[in-house]
Structures are given as C-alpha cells and as structure tokens.
C-alpha cells in the first residue's frame, strides 16, 4: 500500500494510508519514500542512495517502520465488507415541514417543496409512527438519532414538541436512548423555543453564512429582504441563554471563496463550533464553484488551518468540522468504508410518511423505499447504497483520503454522475485538501 507525502505549514508529512500512521519527515526522507512508492525495494534504495552514515540511518529507520506496520503497511480491510443483513436502522431524518420562511438561492430543497410540487407539514400521526418505526427497526441497538429537518422545522414546532415527548415515553418503554437534532435558519428561534430545546437536550444545527454580505447575498427572506440581523440576533441569544450543543453550518460560493473571514466573523460573534461547506449547484449558476476555483479554495483551506492552529495556541480554540480528525479513537473501520449509512441505517421520512435513503432524495419516486406505516423497506434500493463503499469505487481504491471521506456523498455522486460508484471529482479534490490541512494541524499542534 502507498504512503502519501505532502507539505503543510513548511513541514513534510507522510501518511501511511492503510494504518493511518502520520510521520513528520524532512525533504531527504520524503524523496526516499517517493522512490519506494514508485516501486524501488529497500535494497535498491540502499544501492542507489547510501553515501553517508546519515543515508544509512534514514533507510534503516524506514525499514524499521515498514517491519512494524507503520509505513507501507498492508491493507487488511476486505474481510470487513459491510453486509445489509448486519445493519439496523439507527437514525431518521424527519421532514417535519416542507415549507420555509426564507428563499435561499442555493436551496437544494426547492425552498421546501422537494420536487413534490406542494408545501406541507408532517402530522403528529406520521411523526409518532416514524418513532415507532425507528424503535422496531433498531433491534439490538440502544442509541438512536432523530433529526428534525425541513424546509424550516420551526414552522411546525408544535409537532416537534409532541414528537419529542412521545419519543421520550417510548425510549423508556423500549430501553432506547434517542438523541435529537434540529436544523434551523433561526428566523423563528424565540425564547420559548430555546427553553424547550435546552430542557430536552436537542442539538441545534444553525444555518449562517458568516459576514452580513455573504449571508444576505444568498439567504434572503421570502420577500427578498435581508435576514442577517434577525438570524444573528436569535442565534446569539440562543448561545447566551445556554445552548452549548450546537453547530453553525455555513455555505461558501464563488462570492465568498475567502470564507476564512466568515469563520472569523462567527468566532467574533461568540460561536466556536463551525463548518463551511462548498455550495452544490449547477455550473450555470453565477454562484457555482468550478474547477477554475480549486486553486483558490485550496489556499483558503490553508488560511483557515493557520487560523485554527493560531487560535488553539492562543488558548481560544474552536472546532471546524472538517479539521476534527481523531487519530487515536476515530470512526470504526466499517464506518470508514461506508460513510454516513444513508439508505440502510439512516433514512429520511417525508411529511406523508414515505421513506427515502436520505434528505437529498426525498420526493424522487425512484428512490421511495417504503413508509413508516409499513414494516421494513425496499432492500433493492438499500443494496445500491451499502454496496457503494470505497472498496467498490475505482477512484477511491488508491486515494490516500479514502479512510477519512469514506468515498464521499452518495447524493453528490448520483446527481453529478448518475452513478453511485463514481464520486464527484470536484468534491474529491476538496476532501483531499481538507484531510491534508487537518493532518497538518495535528502535526503543528503536537509540536506546540
């Protein structure tokens, strides 16, 4: 198996892909490892390169690492091939409201209509049946998850509250633990809702694009008015009132490729758990990101990595989702192979109770898997998703980042290439850069 050599913050780093071991090296060692990557044996390397005692010491150390499985280690993951019969449903995304009080330009959900052509709220009956479905479908698993999604779920907050209350009753009866998440644009996030969210330990995903010019450009209200002031006021209030389990989720487009400034803006507002995702859009859109933007975006991830490391060294750390790589107790191997679990252990529920592989497929007839009013789901659709793991994707097999991105987003691959087995190349390039930045941060902070 290969070793990936890269440079981060003036350091040369070597990632042993199969084992996950990270080594800080110098330029000469990097050259030697590249030669081994190209097929030279250790003896051939000695014959060519050993001129001094230092050369022999370097090659001897490389040889030691190889023998101990920390460099050019063998990949032994094939026996962990995931099987559908070994999985259970552990998470549901409840589309509690197919409607929204904003009109974001880049909204994949068509402002709440989801390719269905109508706006509707989930009823208590559907939501309760979804909880029952989750409990029945999770045999042998204790910890479960429910995400309230939209549109804007706070438009149907009464059903959210009744569903949480019902789920709390059922989890006691069935010895389950259900963790709740709610994704919101913040327009309706008032004190009453905040208090309920705190009292019921609901994690919040807060949609905010940073600086006012970034946010207002893409996230207007229904009437076209700016939303920044209202959203920011409500989010800051939520944090001040005691919400600590949250994540700010931003989107960057062609208009804010300098998104490190948006992250800094959010930090200055008091938020310290942040992610920024590249916009998903048709290339014809004026805000779409294209290959011509890759170089600039890569540099911006470096800028963000520098900010991240500096803040940690100054004693004011923050979390950036893509940089939170755990080198000691990260995701299990099965998770690294398959990713999010969409289509088999994670499903989305439309307002009428129909089941889909994830929120991005809701409303597409070919991907309807069943209903919360029925047992089970369409296994043929589930198999498409569970089989699309990194061992079955040609582009992933030799990629150094495969155990960190898990092959990328299935929806991204399908909508870009109409093929679950062919990842979106643009997304791959960004994933690889984020992995390098995250590992570079680890090396920087470890030395510090």
Protein backbone atom coordinates (compact mmCIF):
# COMPACT_ATOMS: atom_id res chain seq x y z
CA UNK A 1 0.00 0.00 0.00
CA UNK A 2 1.16 3.53 -0.67
CA UNK A 3 2.36 6.38 1.51
CA UNK A 4 1.10 9.90 0.81
CA UNK A 5 3.72 12.65 1.05
CA UNK A 6 2.58 16.24 1.40
CA UNK A 7 3.72 19.55 2.78
CA UNK A 8 1.82 21.57 5.36
CA UNK A 9 2.99 24.72 7.12
CA UNK A 10 6.56 24.11 5.90
CA UNK A 11 6.54 20.57 7.32
CA UNK A 12 6.93 17.43 5.23
CA UNK A 13 4.45 14.79 6.37
CA UNK A 14 3.98 11.15 5.41
CA UNK A 15 0.60 9.46 5.80
CA UNK A 16 0.71 5.67 5.75
CA UNK A 17 -2.67 5.12 4.11
CA UNK A 18 -3.54 1.64 5.36
CA UNK A 19 -2.51 2.09 9.01
CA UNK A 20 -3.29 5.79 9.38
CA UNK A 21 0.15 6.47 10.92
CA UNK A 22 1.44 10.03 10.43
CA UNK A 23 5.17 10.80 10.31
CA UNK A 24 6.90 14.16 10.24
CA UNK A 25 9.87 13.87 7.91
CA UNK A 26 12.44 16.04 6.16
CA UNK A 27 12.96 16.67 2.46
CA UNK A 28 15.51 13.89 2.00
CA UNK A 29 13.30 11.29 3.70
CA UNK A 30 10.40 12.44 1.53
CA UNK A 31 12.47 11.76 -1.60
CA UNK A 32 13.38 8.28 -0.37
CA UNK A 33 9.76 7.39 0.39
CA UNK A 34 8.69 8.65 -3.04
CA UNK A 35 11.21 6.26 -4.63
CA UNK A 36 9.79 3.37 -2.58
CA UNK A 37 6.31 4.44 -3.63
CA UNK A 38 7.46 4.18 -7.23
CA UNK A 39 8.48 0.55 -6.75
CA UNK A 40 12.08 0.50 -5.59
CA UNK A 41 13.00 -2.10 -2.95
CA UNK A 42 14.86 -1.16 0.22
CA UNK A 43 17.99 -2.84 -1.12
CA UNK A 44 17.76 -0.96 -4.41
CA UNK A 45 17.32 2.26 -2.44
CA UNK A 46 20.44 1.44 -0.42
CA UNK A 47 22.43 0.68 -3.53
CA UNK A 48 21.45 3.99 -5.12
CA UNK A 49 21.35 6.41 -2.19
CA UNK A 50 23.67 5.32 0.62
CA UNK A 51 26.62 7.66 0.52
CA UNK A 52 26.88 8.68 4.17
CA UNK A 53 26.07 7.38 7.65
CA UNK A 54 23.01 9.66 7.62
CA UNK A 55 21.70 7.95 4.49
CA UNK A 56 22.03 4.51 6.10
CA UNK A 57 20.34 5.72 9.28
CA UNK A 58 17.40 7.10 7.31
CA UNK A 59 16.89 3.90 5.33
CA UNK A 60 17.28 1.76 8.47
CA UNK A 61 14.58 3.80 10.20
CA UNK A 62 12.30 3.45 7.19
CA UNK A 63 12.94 -0.30 7.26
CA UNK A 64 12.05 -0.41 10.97
CA UNK A 65 8.76 1.41 10.36
CA UNK A 66 7.88 -0.93 7.49
CA UNK A 67 8.54 -4.03 9.61
CA UNK A 68 6.33 -2.64 12.38
CA UNK A 69 3.39 -1.85 10.12
CA UNK A 70 3.74 1.93 10.30
CA UNK A 71 4.93 2.56 6.75
CA UNK A 72 3.82 0.81 3.54
CA UNK A 73 1.53 -1.31 5.69
CA UNK A 74 -0.72 -3.86 4.07
CA UNK A 75 -4.42 -3.19 3.69
CA UNK A 76 -6.45 -5.80 5.57
CA UNK A 77 -9.95 -4.35 5.33
CA UNK A 78 -11.54 -6.65 2.74
CA UNK A 79 -12.90 -9.03 5.37
CA UNK A 80 -14.88 -6.14 6.84
CA UNK A 81 -17.01 -5.79 3.73
CA UNK A 82 -20.35 -4.41 5.01
CA UNK A 83 -23.43 -6.60 4.61
CA UNK A 84 -27.02 -5.38 4.67
CA UNK A 85 -28.13 -8.21 6.98
CA UNK A 86 -25.73 -6.94 9.64
CA UNK A 87 -27.29 -3.46 9.77
CA UNK A 88 -30.30 -1.94 11.50
CA UNK A 89 -31.97 1.44 11.15
CA UNK A 90 -30.46 3.72 13.76
CA UNK A 91 -31.37 7.23 12.58
CA UNK A 92 -34.29 9.02 10.94
CA UNK A 93 -34.42 12.47 9.38
CA UNK A 94 -37.99 13.71 9.87
CA UNK A 95 -39.05 16.26 7.26
CA UNK A 96 -41.27 17.98 9.74
CA UNK A 97 -42.03 20.89 7.40
CA UNK A 98 -41.90 21.04 3.63
CA UNK A 99 -42.08 24.80 3.66
CA UNK A 100 -39.74 27.65 4.53
CA UNK A 101 -39.84 31.31 5.52
CA UNK A 102 -36.64 32.06 3.58
CA UNK A 103 -35.75 31.87 -0.10
CA UNK A 104 -32.08 30.87 -0.18
CA UNK A 105 -30.65 30.98 -3.69
CA UNK A 106 -28.76 27.70 -3.39
CA UNK A 107 -31.53 25.67 -1.67
CA UNK A 108 -31.41 22.05 -2.88
CA UNK A 109 -34.87 21.51 -1.34
CA UNK A 110 -36.55 23.98 -3.71
CA UNK A 111 -37.48 26.21 -0.74
CA UNK A 112 -39.24 23.28 0.87
CA UNK A 113 -41.19 21.68 -1.99
CA UNK A 114 -38.68 18.86 -2.59
CA UNK A 115 -39.63 18.05 -6.18
CA UNK A 116 -43.13 17.18 -4.99
CA UNK A 117 -44.63 20.50 -6.00
CA UNK A 118 -46.51 21.21 -2.79
CA UNK A 119 -45.85 22.55 0.68
CA UNK A 120 -47.00 20.51 3.67
CA UNK A 121 -46.33 19.81 7.33
CA UNK A 122 -45.82 16.42 8.94
CA UNK A 123 -48.73 15.43 11.17
CA UNK A 124 -48.41 14.09 14.70
CA UNK A 125 -49.65 10.72 13.43
CA UNK A 126 -46.86 10.41 10.86
CA UNK A 127 -44.22 11.59 13.32
CA UNK A 128 -45.32 9.16 16.02
CA UNK A 129 -45.35 6.29 13.53
CA UNK A 130 -41.84 7.30 12.48
CA UNK A 131 -40.68 6.93 16.09
CA UNK A 132 -42.39 3.53 16.30
CA UNK A 133 -40.76 2.50 13.02
CA UNK A 134 -37.31 3.53 14.29
CA UNK A 135 -37.69 1.58 17.52
CA UNK A 136 -38.97 -1.56 15.73
CA UNK A 137 -36.24 -1.35 13.09
CA UNK A 138 -33.34 -0.90 15.52
CA UNK A 139 -33.35 -4.30 17.21
CA UNK A 140 -30.17 -4.81 19.18
CA UNK A 141 -29.17 -1.14 19.14
CA UNK A 142 -29.62 1.16 22.14
CA UNK A 143 -28.53 4.59 20.88
CA UNK A 144 -30.72 6.15 18.17
CA UNK A 145 -30.97 9.54 16.46
CA UNK A 146 -33.81 11.70 15.17
CA UNK A 147 -33.18 14.85 13.16
CA UNK A 148 -35.95 17.42 12.65
CA UNK A 149 -35.44 18.86 9.19
CA UNK A 150 -37.16 20.99 6.56
CA UNK A 151 -37.72 23.37 4.91
CA UNK A 152 -37.82 25.08 8.25
CA UNK A 153 -38.88 22.76 11.11
CA UNK A 154 -39.69 25.62 13.48
CA UNK A 155 -42.72 26.36 11.27
CA UNK A 156 -44.16 23.12 12.70
CA UNK A 157 -42.71 23.33 16.18
CA UNK A 158 -45.84 22.05 17.90
CA UNK A 159 -45.35 18.70 16.17
CA UNK A 160 -41.65 18.79 17.04
CA UNK A 161 -42.51 19.14 20.74
CA UNK A 162 -45.18 16.44 20.70
CA UNK A 163 -42.83 14.10 18.83
CA UNK A 164 -40.04 14.63 21.37
CA UNK A 165 -42.47 14.00 24.21
CA UNK A 166 -43.75 10.83 22.53
CA UNK A 167 -40.22 9.62 21.76
CA UNK A 168 -39.18 10.20 25.37
CA UNK A 169 -42.03 7.99 26.53
CA UNK A 170 -41.21 5.25 24.03
CA UNK A 171 -37.48 5.19 24.67
CA UNK A 172 -38.13 4.41 28.34
CA UNK A 173 -40.56 1.62 27.43
CA UNK A 174 -38.19 0.02 24.93
CA UNK A 175 -34.83 0.67 26.62
CA UNK A 176 -33.61 3.05 23.94
CA UNK A 177 -31.75 6.36 24.06
CA UNK A 178 -32.84 8.81 21.36
CA UNK A 179 -30.70 11.83 20.58
CA UNK A 180 -32.46 14.75 18.87
CA UNK A 181 -31.10 17.27 16.38
CA UNK A 182 -32.90 20.20 14.77
CA UNK A 183 -31.69 22.16 11.75
CA UNK A 184 -32.96 25.74 11.59
CA UNK A 185 -32.48 29.03 9.78
CA UNK A 186 -33.18 30.83 13.07
CA UNK A 187 -35.95 33.22 11.99
CA UNK A 188 -38.45 31.75 14.50
CA UNK A 189 -35.96 30.83 17.22
CA UNK A 190 -37.52 32.73 20.14
CA UNK A 191 -37.06 32.36 23.90
CA UNK A 192 -39.85 29.82 24.33
CA UNK A 193 -38.40 27.50 21.71
CA UNK A 194 -34.88 27.96 23.07
CA UNK A 195 -36.02 26.97 26.56
CA UNK A 196 -37.70 23.84 25.22
CA UNK A 197 -34.63 22.93 23.18
CA UNK A 198 -32.37 23.31 26.24
CA UNK A 199 -34.69 21.36 28.54
CA UNK A 200 -34.87 18.46 26.07
CA UNK A 201 -31.18 18.32 25.12
CA UNK A 202 -31.83 18.94 21.42
CA UNK A 203 -28.73 19.66 19.37
CA UNK A 204 -29.09 22.61 17.01
CA UNK A 205 -27.65 22.91 13.51
CA UNK A 206 -27.72 26.64 12.80
CA UNK A 207 -27.60 27.84 9.19
CA UNK A 208 -25.49 31.00 8.91
CA UNK A 209 -23.09 32.12 6.17
CA UNK A 210 -20.90 34.45 8.21
CA UNK A 211 -20.40 38.09 7.25
CA UNK A 212 -23.53 40.08 6.52
CA UNK A 213 -22.65 40.45 2.84
CA UNK A 214 -22.09 36.71 2.47
CA UNK A 215 -25.24 35.77 4.37
CA UNK A 216 -27.61 38.33 2.84
CA UNK A 217 -26.50 37.64 -0.73
CA UNK A 218 -27.62 34.00 -0.62
CA UNK A 219 -30.12 33.79 2.26
CA UNK A 220 -32.91 36.39 1.85
CA UNK A 221 -36.32 36.32 3.49
CA UNK A 222 -39.42 35.38 1.48
CA UNK A 223 -39.90 38.95 0.35
CA UNK A 224 -36.26 39.38 -0.62
CA UNK A 225 -35.29 41.34 2.49
CA UNK A 226 -32.00 40.81 4.30
CA UNK A 227 -32.06 38.14 7.03
CA UNK A 228 -28.65 38.61 8.65
CA UNK A 229 -29.68 40.86 11.55
CA UNK A 230 -32.68 38.77 12.60
CA UNK A 231 -30.88 35.43 12.32
CA UNK A 232 -27.72 36.63 14.06
CA UNK A 233 -29.66 38.17 16.94
CA UNK A 234 -31.59 34.95 17.53
CA UNK A 235 -28.53 32.69 17.29
CA UNK A 236 -26.50 34.86 19.68
CA UNK A 237 -29.45 34.89 22.07
CA UNK A 238 -29.64 31.10 21.95
CA UNK A 239 -25.97 30.79 22.89
CA UNK A 240 -26.29 33.39 25.65
CA UNK A 241 -29.29 31.55 27.10
CA UNK A 242 -27.23 28.41 27.47
CA UNK A 243 -27.37 26.34 24.30
CA UNK A 244 -23.98 24.64 24.08
CA UNK A 245 -24.81 21.64 21.89
CA UNK A 246 -24.90 23.34 18.50
CA UNK A 247 -23.08 23.64 15.21
CA UNK A 248 -23.03 26.62 12.87
CA UNK A 249 -23.32 25.33 9.31
CA UNK A 250 -22.31 27.77 6.58
CA UNK A 251 -22.06 27.55 2.80
CA UNK A 252 -19.43 29.20 0.64
CA UNK A 253 -19.95 30.05 -3.00
CA UNK A 254 -17.98 31.77 -5.74
CA UNK A 255 -18.79 35.03 -3.96
CA UNK A 256 -17.13 34.16 -0.64
CA UNK A 257 -14.20 31.93 -1.51
CA UNK A 258 -12.40 33.86 1.25
CA UNK A 259 -14.62 32.02 3.77
CA UNK A 260 -11.96 32.14 6.48
CA UNK A 261 -13.18 35.70 7.03
CA UNK A 262 -16.71 34.34 7.50
CA UNK A 263 -15.40 31.86 10.08
CA UNK A 264 -13.58 34.69 11.87
CA UNK A 265 -16.78 36.73 11.85
CA UNK A 266 -18.68 33.89 13.52
CA UNK A 267 -15.90 33.47 16.09
CA UNK A 268 -16.15 37.16 16.92
CA UNK A 269 -19.89 36.71 17.48
CA UNK A 270 -19.15 34.03 20.08
CA UNK A 271 -19.65 30.82 18.11
CA UNK A 272 -16.95 28.15 18.39
CA UNK A 273 -18.41 25.09 16.60
CA UNK A 274 -18.42 25.77 12.88
CA UNK A 275 -18.48 24.11 9.49
CA UNK A 276 -18.45 25.61 6.00
CA UNK A 277 -19.44 23.50 3.00
CA UNK A 278 -18.94 24.21 -0.70
CA UNK A 279 -22.16 25.07 -2.50
CA UNK A 280 -23.74 22.33 -4.60
CA UNK A 281 -25.09 23.94 -7.75
CA UNK A 282 -25.42 23.61 -11.48
CA UNK A 283 -22.34 25.04 -13.26
CA UNK A 284 -24.64 27.54 -14.99
CA UNK A 285 -25.41 29.33 -11.72
CA UNK A 286 -23.41 32.51 -11.20
CA UNK A 287 -22.52 31.45 -7.66
CA UNK A 288 -21.39 27.90 -8.60
CA UNK A 289 -17.88 26.68 -7.85
CA UNK A 290 -15.94 25.21 -10.75
CA UNK A 291 -12.53 23.68 -11.43
CA UNK A 292 -11.13 27.15 -12.04
CA UNK A 293 -11.75 27.92 -8.33
CA UNK A 294 -9.87 24.90 -6.96
CA UNK A 295 -6.50 26.57 -6.50
CA UNK A 296 -8.02 29.48 -4.63
CA UNK A 297 -10.12 27.22 -2.41
CA UNK A 298 -7.13 25.03 -1.56
CA UNK A 299 -5.25 28.13 -0.45
CA UNK A 300 -8.24 29.20 1.63
CA UNK A 301 -8.24 25.88 3.49
CA UNK A 302 -4.59 26.61 4.31
CA UNK A 303 -5.59 30.06 5.56
CA UNK A 304 -8.27 28.50 7.73
CA UNK A 305 -5.83 25.90 9.05
CA UNK A 306 -3.46 28.70 10.07
CA UNK A 307 -6.29 30.46 11.90
CA UNK A 308 -7.33 27.20 13.58
CA UNK A 309 -3.80 26.45 14.82
CA UNK A 310 -3.19 30.04 15.93
CA UNK A 311 -6.42 30.17 17.95
CA UNK A 312 -5.56 26.89 19.68
CA UNK A 313 -2.09 28.12 20.58
CA UNK A 314 -3.55 31.37 21.93
CA UNK A 315 -5.90 29.46 24.23
CA UNK A 316 -9.09 30.36 22.35
CA UNK A 317 -9.71 27.13 20.41
CA UNK A 318 -12.68 26.45 18.15
CA UNK A 319 -13.94 23.44 16.24
CA UNK A 320 -14.11 23.29 12.48
CA UNK A 321 -15.96 20.16 11.40
CA UNK A 322 -13.57 19.00 8.69
CA UNK A 323 -10.48 19.53 10.83
CA UNK A 324 -11.67 17.43 13.78
CA UNK A 325 -9.80 14.25 12.85
CA UNK A 326 -9.24 11.88 15.78
CA UNK A 327 -6.03 9.95 15.23
CA UNK A 328 -6.49 7.73 18.29
CA UNK A 329 -10.19 6.84 18.57
CA UNK A 330 -11.74 7.86 15.27
CA UNK A 331 -14.58 6.13 13.42
CA UNK A 332 -14.58 2.34 13.31
CA UNK A 333 -13.42 0.60 10.13
CA UNK A 334 -16.95 -0.23 8.95
CA UNK A 335 -17.84 3.47 9.19
CA UNK A 336 -14.71 4.45 7.31
CA UNK A 337 -15.69 2.09 4.50
CA UNK A 338 -19.32 3.15 4.14
CA UNK A 339 -19.67 6.71 5.38
CA UNK A 340 -22.99 8.13 6.54
CA UNK A 341 -25.07 4.96 6.23
CA UNK A 342 -27.70 6.57 4.01
CA UNK A 343 -30.17 4.08 2.59
CA UNK A 344 -29.93 1.43 5.28
CA UNK A 345 -29.11 2.67 8.80
CA UNK A 346 -30.09 6.29 8.10
CA UNK A 347 -33.37 7.10 6.33
CA UNK A 348 -35.41 10.23 5.63
CA UNK A 349 -39.16 10.49 6.25
CA UNK A 350 -41.30 12.76 4.05
CA UNK A 351 -44.28 14.60 5.60
CA UNK A 352 -46.65 11.87 4.38
CA UNK A 353 -44.54 9.10 5.93
CA UNK A 354 -42.75 7.88 2.80
CA UNK A 355 -39.19 6.65 3.34
CA UNK A 356 -36.17 7.72 1.27
CA UNK A 357 -32.42 6.99 1.51
CA UNK A 358 -31.60 10.48 2.77
CA UNK A 359 -32.93 14.04 2.75
CA UNK A 360 -31.48 14.77 -0.69
CA UNK A 361 -33.51 12.00 -2.35
CA UNK A 362 -36.86 12.92 -0.82
CA UNK A 363 -39.54 13.36 -3.47
CA UNK A 364 -37.76 11.29 -6.16
CA UNK A 365 -40.14 8.43 -6.95
CA UNK A 366 -37.41 6.00 -7.99
CA UNK A 367 -35.91 6.23 -4.51
CA UNK A 368 -39.04 5.76 -2.42
CA UNK A 369 -38.17 2.86 -0.09
CA UNK A 370 -41.39 2.33 1.82
CA UNK A 371 -43.42 4.02 4.54
CA UNK A 372 -43.38 4.37 8.31
CA UNK A 373 -46.83 2.76 8.24
CA UNK A 374 -45.27 -0.47 6.93
CA UNK A 375 -42.55 -2.77 8.20
CA UNK A 376 -39.15 -2.89 6.52
CA UNK A 377 -38.09 -1.10 3.34
CA UNK A 378 -37.12 -1.76 -0.28
CA UNK A 379 -33.98 -3.86 0.04
CA UNK A 380 -33.01 -3.35 -3.61
CA UNK A 381 -32.55 0.38 -3.01
CA UNK A 382 -30.70 -0.19 0.25
CA UNK A 383 -28.31 -2.54 -1.52
CA UNK A 384 -27.39 0.17 -4.02
CA UNK A 385 -26.21 2.34 -1.16
CA UNK A 386 -24.44 -0.21 1.02
CA UNK A 387 -22.58 -1.62 -1.99
CA UNK A 388 -21.25 1.84 -2.91
CA UNK A 389 -18.40 1.68 -0.39
CA UNK A 390 -14.78 2.57 -1.02
CA UNK A 391 -13.75 -0.98 -1.87
CA UNK A 392 -16.13 -0.88 -4.84
CA UNK A 393 -15.15 2.56 -6.18
CA UNK A 394 -12.26 2.59 -8.62
CA UNK A 395 -11.41 6.24 -7.91
CA UNK A 396 -11.21 5.50 -4.18
CA UNK A 397 -9.07 2.38 -4.16
CA UNK A 398 -5.74 4.21 -4.47
CA UNK A 399 -6.77 7.51 -2.88
CA UNK A 400 -4.91 8.49 0.29
CA UNK A 401 -8.01 10.15 1.78
CA UNK A 402 -10.42 7.23 1.41
CA UNK A 403 -10.50 6.26 5.09
CA UNK A 404 -11.33 9.85 6.03
CA UNK A 405 -14.00 10.78 3.46
CA UNK A 406 -15.40 7.22 3.11
CA UNK A 407 -15.94 7.67 -0.60
CA UNK A 408 -17.82 10.94 -0.40
CA UNK A 409 -21.52 11.74 -0.51
CA UNK A 410 -23.74 9.26 -2.40
CA UNK A 411 -26.15 12.01 -3.41
CA UNK A 412 -23.29 14.17 -4.69
CA UNK A 413 -22.05 11.27 -6.85
CA UNK A 414 -25.51 10.38 -8.13
CA UNK A 415 -26.65 13.88 -9.03
CA UNK A 416 -23.33 14.78 -10.64
CA UNK A 417 -22.54 11.50 -12.45
CA UNK A 418 -25.75 9.39 -12.20
CA UNK A 419 -23.51 6.73 -10.71
CA UNK A 420 -23.09 5.87 -7.02
CA UNK A 421 -19.70 4.33 -7.80
CA UNK A 422 -18.23 7.44 -9.41
CA UNK A 423 -17.56 10.22 -6.87
CA UNK A 424 -17.81 13.87 -7.82
CA UNK A 425 -14.22 14.72 -8.75
CA UNK A 426 -14.51 18.34 -7.62
CA UNK A 427 -15.71 17.23 -4.18
CA UNK A 428 -12.87 14.70 -4.04
CA UNK A 429 -10.28 17.42 -4.59
CA UNK A 430 -11.69 19.46 -1.72
CA UNK A 431 -11.88 16.41 0.56
CA UNK A 432 -8.24 15.57 -0.08
CA UNK A 433 -7.16 19.11 0.68
CA UNK A 434 -9.19 19.20 3.92
CA UNK A 435 -7.58 15.94 5.07
CA UNK A 436 -4.11 17.32 4.39
CA UNK A 437 -4.95 20.52 6.26
CA UNK A 438 -6.38 18.63 9.22
CA UNK A 439 -3.34 16.35 9.50
CA UNK A 440 -1.04 19.33 9.12
CA UNK A 441 -2.80 20.99 12.05
CA UNK A 442 -2.28 17.85 14.14
CA UNK A 443 1.46 17.97 13.43
CA UNK A 444 1.63 21.69 14.18
CA UNK A 445 -0.26 21.47 17.47
CA UNK A 446 1.58 18.30 18.57
CA UNK A 447 4.91 20.10 18.32
CA UNK A 448 3.50 23.07 20.16
